[in-house]
């Protein structure tokens, strides 16, 4: 499975989503595009090609990016 540091990809996505949910809970919601940029920015050089592909317009939604990341893991 893909790793991001010591976390699996699924763990990284889950932790990121939890942070976004916590921000929403304190009335500081993160918009979809910011979520995409922030999630992808958290990955290292091994994801450069994927990130470049995702950043080409039209930029996919957060849910689409997560689904594409997860499809690489299976």
N, C-alpha and C. Protein backbone atom coordinates (compact mmCIF):
# COMPACT_ATOMS: atom_id res chain seq x y z
N UNK A 1 0.83 -1.19 0.00
CA UNK A 1 0.00 0.00 0.00
C UNK A 1 0.87 1.25 0.00
N UNK A 2 0.31 2.32 -0.48
CA UNK A 2 1.04 3.58 -0.53
C UNK A 2 1.21 4.14 0.87
N UNK A 3 2.34 4.78 1.09
CA UNK A 3 2.62 5.36 2.41
C UNK A 3 2.91 6.84 2.26
N UNK A 4 2.59 7.57 3.28
CA UNK A 4 2.92 8.99 3.38
C UNK A 4 3.62 9.12 4.72
N UNK A 5 4.95 9.11 4.69
CA UNK A 5 5.69 9.04 5.94
C UNK A 5 5.43 7.69 6.57
N UNK A 6 5.06 7.68 7.84
CA UNK A 6 4.77 6.42 8.52
C UNK A 6 3.29 6.05 8.42
N UNK A 7 2.49 6.93 7.85
CA UNK A 7 1.05 6.67 7.71
C UNK A 7 0.76 6.00 6.38
N UNK A 8 -0.25 5.14 6.39
CA UNK A 8 -0.76 4.64 5.12
C UNK A 8 -1.53 5.78 4.46
N UNK A 9 -1.80 5.62 3.21
CA UNK A 9 -2.58 6.63 2.49
C UNK A 9 -3.94 6.82 3.14
N UNK A 10 -4.59 5.72 3.48
CA UNK A 10 -5.92 5.79 4.11
C UNK A 10 -5.86 6.54 5.44
N UNK A 11 -4.82 6.30 6.22
CA UNK A 11 -4.67 6.99 7.50
C UNK A 11 -4.45 8.49 7.29
N UNK A 12 -3.65 8.83 6.29
CA UNK A 12 -3.38 10.24 6.00
C UNK A 12 -4.67 10.95 5.57
N UNK A 13 -5.42 10.33 4.68
CA UNK A 13 -6.67 10.93 4.22
C UNK A 13 -7.65 11.07 5.38
N UNK A 14 -7.74 10.06 6.21
CA UNK A 14 -8.65 10.09 7.35
C UNK A 14 -8.27 11.20 8.33
N UNK A 15 -6.99 11.33 8.62
CA UNK A 15 -6.53 12.38 9.54
C UNK A 15 -6.79 13.77 8.95
N UNK A 16 -6.56 13.91 7.65
CA UNK A 16 -6.80 15.19 6.98
C UNK A 16 -8.28 15.55 7.04
N UNK A 17 -9.15 14.57 6.75
CA UNK A 17 -10.60 14.81 6.78
C UNK A 17 -11.05 15.16 8.19
N UNK A 18 -10.48 14.51 9.17
CA UNK A 18 -10.82 14.80 10.57
C UNK A 18 -10.46 16.25 10.90
N UNK A 19 -9.31 16.70 10.47
CA UNK A 19 -8.90 18.09 10.70
C UNK A 19 -9.88 19.05 10.04
N UNK A 20 -10.27 18.76 8.81
CA UNK A 20 -11.23 19.61 8.11
C UNK A 20 -12.58 19.63 8.83
N UNK A 21 -13.01 18.47 9.32
CA UNK A 21 -14.26 18.39 10.07
C UNK A 21 -14.19 19.19 11.37
N UNK A 22 -13.03 19.13 12.02
CA UNK A 22 -12.85 19.90 13.25
C UNK A 22 -12.91 21.40 12.97
N UNK A 23 -12.33 21.82 11.86
CA UNK A 23 -12.39 23.24 11.49
C UNK A 23 -13.83 23.66 11.20
N UNK A 24 -14.58 22.79 10.54
CA UNK A 24 -15.99 23.08 10.27
C UNK A 24 -16.76 23.20 11.59
N UNK A 25 -16.43 22.35 12.54
CA UNK A 25 -17.12 22.36 13.84
C UNK A 25 -16.92 23.67 14.59
N UNK A 26 -15.80 24.33 14.34
CA UNK A 26 -15.55 25.62 15.00
C UNK A 26 -15.84 26.79 14.05
N UNK A 27 -16.67 26.51 13.06
CA UNK A 27 -17.13 27.52 12.10
C UNK A 27 -16.00 28.12 11.27
N UNK A 28 -15.05 27.27 10.92
CA UNK A 28 -13.96 27.66 10.02
C UNK A 28 -13.87 26.63 8.89
N UNK A 29 -14.98 26.46 8.16
CA UNK A 29 -14.99 25.42 7.13
C UNK A 29 -13.94 25.66 6.04
N UNK A 30 -13.43 24.57 5.51
CA UNK A 30 -12.45 24.62 4.43
C UNK A 30 -13.20 24.32 3.14
N UNK A 31 -13.08 25.21 2.15
CA UNK A 31 -13.80 24.95 0.91
C UNK A 31 -13.15 23.80 0.13
N UNK A 32 -13.89 23.27 -0.81
CA UNK A 32 -13.49 22.07 -1.53
C UNK A 32 -12.13 22.22 -2.22
N UNK A 33 -11.93 23.32 -2.92
CA UNK A 33 -10.66 23.51 -3.64
C UNK A 33 -9.49 23.62 -2.67
N UNK A 34 -9.70 24.29 -1.55
CA UNK A 34 -8.64 24.38 -0.55
C UNK A 34 -8.31 23.01 0.02
N UNK A 35 -9.34 22.19 0.18
CA UNK A 35 -9.11 20.83 0.66
C UNK A 35 -8.25 20.05 -0.34
N UNK A 36 -8.55 20.20 -1.63
CA UNK A 36 -7.78 19.51 -2.67
C UNK A 36 -6.32 19.96 -2.60
N UNK A 37 -6.10 21.27 -2.62
CA UNK A 37 -4.73 21.79 -2.60
C UNK A 37 -3.99 21.36 -1.34
N UNK A 38 -4.64 21.47 -0.20
CA UNK A 38 -3.99 21.13 1.07
C UNK A 38 -3.67 19.64 1.16
N UNK A 39 -4.61 18.80 0.75
CA UNK A 39 -4.36 17.36 0.79
C UNK A 39 -3.19 17.00 -0.10
N UNK A 40 -3.21 17.47 -1.33
CA UNK A 40 -2.15 17.13 -2.27
C UNK A 40 -0.80 17.72 -1.86
N UNK A 41 -0.83 18.88 -1.24
CA UNK A 41 0.41 19.52 -0.80
C UNK A 41 1.09 18.72 0.31
N UNK A 42 0.35 17.87 0.98
CA UNK A 42 0.91 17.08 2.06
C UNK A 42 1.70 15.86 1.62
N UNK A 43 1.72 15.60 0.33
CA UNK A 43 2.44 14.43 -0.18
C UNK A 43 3.82 14.82 -0.68
N UNK A 44 4.73 13.88 -0.63
CA UNK A 44 6.10 14.12 -1.03
C UNK A 44 6.33 13.95 -2.53
N UNK A 45 7.60 13.99 -2.91
CA UNK A 45 7.99 13.94 -4.31
C UNK A 45 7.51 12.71 -5.08
N UNK A 46 7.28 11.62 -4.38
CA UNK A 46 6.83 10.41 -5.09
C UNK A 46 5.44 10.59 -5.69
N UNK A 47 4.74 11.62 -5.26
CA UNK A 47 3.39 11.90 -5.78
C UNK A 47 3.38 13.04 -6.80
N UNK A 48 4.55 13.56 -7.16
CA UNK A 48 4.62 14.73 -8.04
C UNK A 48 3.83 14.57 -9.33
N UNK A 49 3.96 13.44 -9.99
CA UNK A 49 3.25 13.24 -11.26
C UNK A 49 1.74 13.25 -11.04
N UNK A 50 1.29 12.59 -9.98
CA UNK A 50 -0.14 12.56 -9.66
C UNK A 50 -0.64 13.97 -9.35
N UNK A 51 0.12 14.70 -8.55
CA UNK A 51 -0.28 16.06 -8.16
C UNK A 51 -0.35 16.96 -9.38
N UNK A 52 0.64 16.88 -10.24
CA UNK A 52 0.65 17.69 -11.46
C UNK A 52 -0.58 17.39 -12.30
N UNK A 53 -0.91 16.11 -12.43
CA UNK A 53 -2.09 15.71 -13.20
C UNK A 53 -3.36 16.27 -12.57
N UNK A 54 -3.47 16.21 -11.25
CA UNK A 54 -4.66 16.69 -10.55
C UNK A 54 -4.81 18.21 -10.63
N UNK A 55 -3.71 18.93 -10.76
CA UNK A 55 -3.76 20.39 -10.76
C UNK A 55 -4.07 20.98 -12.13
N UNK A 56 -4.13 20.13 -13.15
CA UNK A 56 -4.51 20.63 -14.47
C UNK A 56 -6.01 20.86 -14.50
N UNK A 57 -6.42 22.05 -14.94
CA UNK A 57 -7.86 22.33 -15.00
C UNK A 57 -8.58 21.34 -15.91
N UNK A 58 -9.80 21.00 -15.60
CA UNK A 58 -10.53 21.42 -14.41
C UNK A 58 -10.05 20.62 -13.19
N UNK A 59 -9.83 21.31 -12.11
CA UNK A 59 -9.37 20.65 -10.88
C UNK A 59 -10.53 19.84 -10.31
N UNK A 60 -10.27 18.57 -10.02
CA UNK A 60 -11.35 17.72 -9.51
C UNK A 60 -11.78 18.11 -8.10
N UNK A 61 -12.92 17.60 -7.71
CA UNK A 61 -13.40 17.84 -6.35
C UNK A 61 -12.57 17.04 -5.36
N UNK A 62 -12.70 17.39 -4.11
CA UNK A 62 -12.00 16.66 -3.04
C UNK A 62 -12.36 15.18 -3.08
N UNK A 63 -13.65 14.88 -3.21
CA UNK A 63 -14.09 13.48 -3.23
C UNK A 63 -13.49 12.73 -4.42
N UNK A 64 -13.38 13.41 -5.56
CA UNK A 64 -12.78 12.77 -6.74
C UNK A 64 -11.30 12.49 -6.52
N UNK A 65 -10.60 13.44 -5.92
CA UNK A 65 -9.17 13.25 -5.64
C UNK A 65 -8.96 12.07 -4.69
N UNK A 66 -9.77 12.01 -3.64
CA UNK A 66 -9.66 10.90 -2.68
C UNK A 66 -9.92 9.57 -3.39
N UNK A 67 -10.94 9.52 -4.21
CA UNK A 67 -11.26 8.28 -4.93
C UNK A 67 -10.11 7.87 -5.85
N UNK A 68 -9.51 8.84 -6.52
CA UNK A 68 -8.39 8.53 -7.41
C UNK A 68 -7.17 8.06 -6.62
N UNK A 69 -6.91 8.70 -5.50
CA UNK A 69 -5.80 8.26 -4.65
C UNK A 69 -6.04 6.83 -4.16
N UNK A 70 -7.25 6.57 -3.72
CA UNK A 70 -7.58 5.24 -3.21
C UNK A 70 -7.51 4.18 -4.30
N UNK A 71 -7.85 4.55 -5.52
CA UNK A 71 -7.79 3.58 -6.62
C UNK A 71 -6.36 3.17 -6.93
N UNK A 72 -5.41 4.03 -6.63
CA UNK A 72 -4.00 3.69 -6.83
C UNK A 72 -3.51 2.69 -5.79
N UNK A 73 -4.19 2.67 -4.66
CA UNK A 73 -3.76 1.80 -3.57
C UNK A 73 -4.26 0.37 -3.76
N UNK A 74 -5.33 0.19 -4.50
CA UNK A 74 -5.89 -1.15 -4.65
C UNK A 74 -5.29 -1.89 -5.82
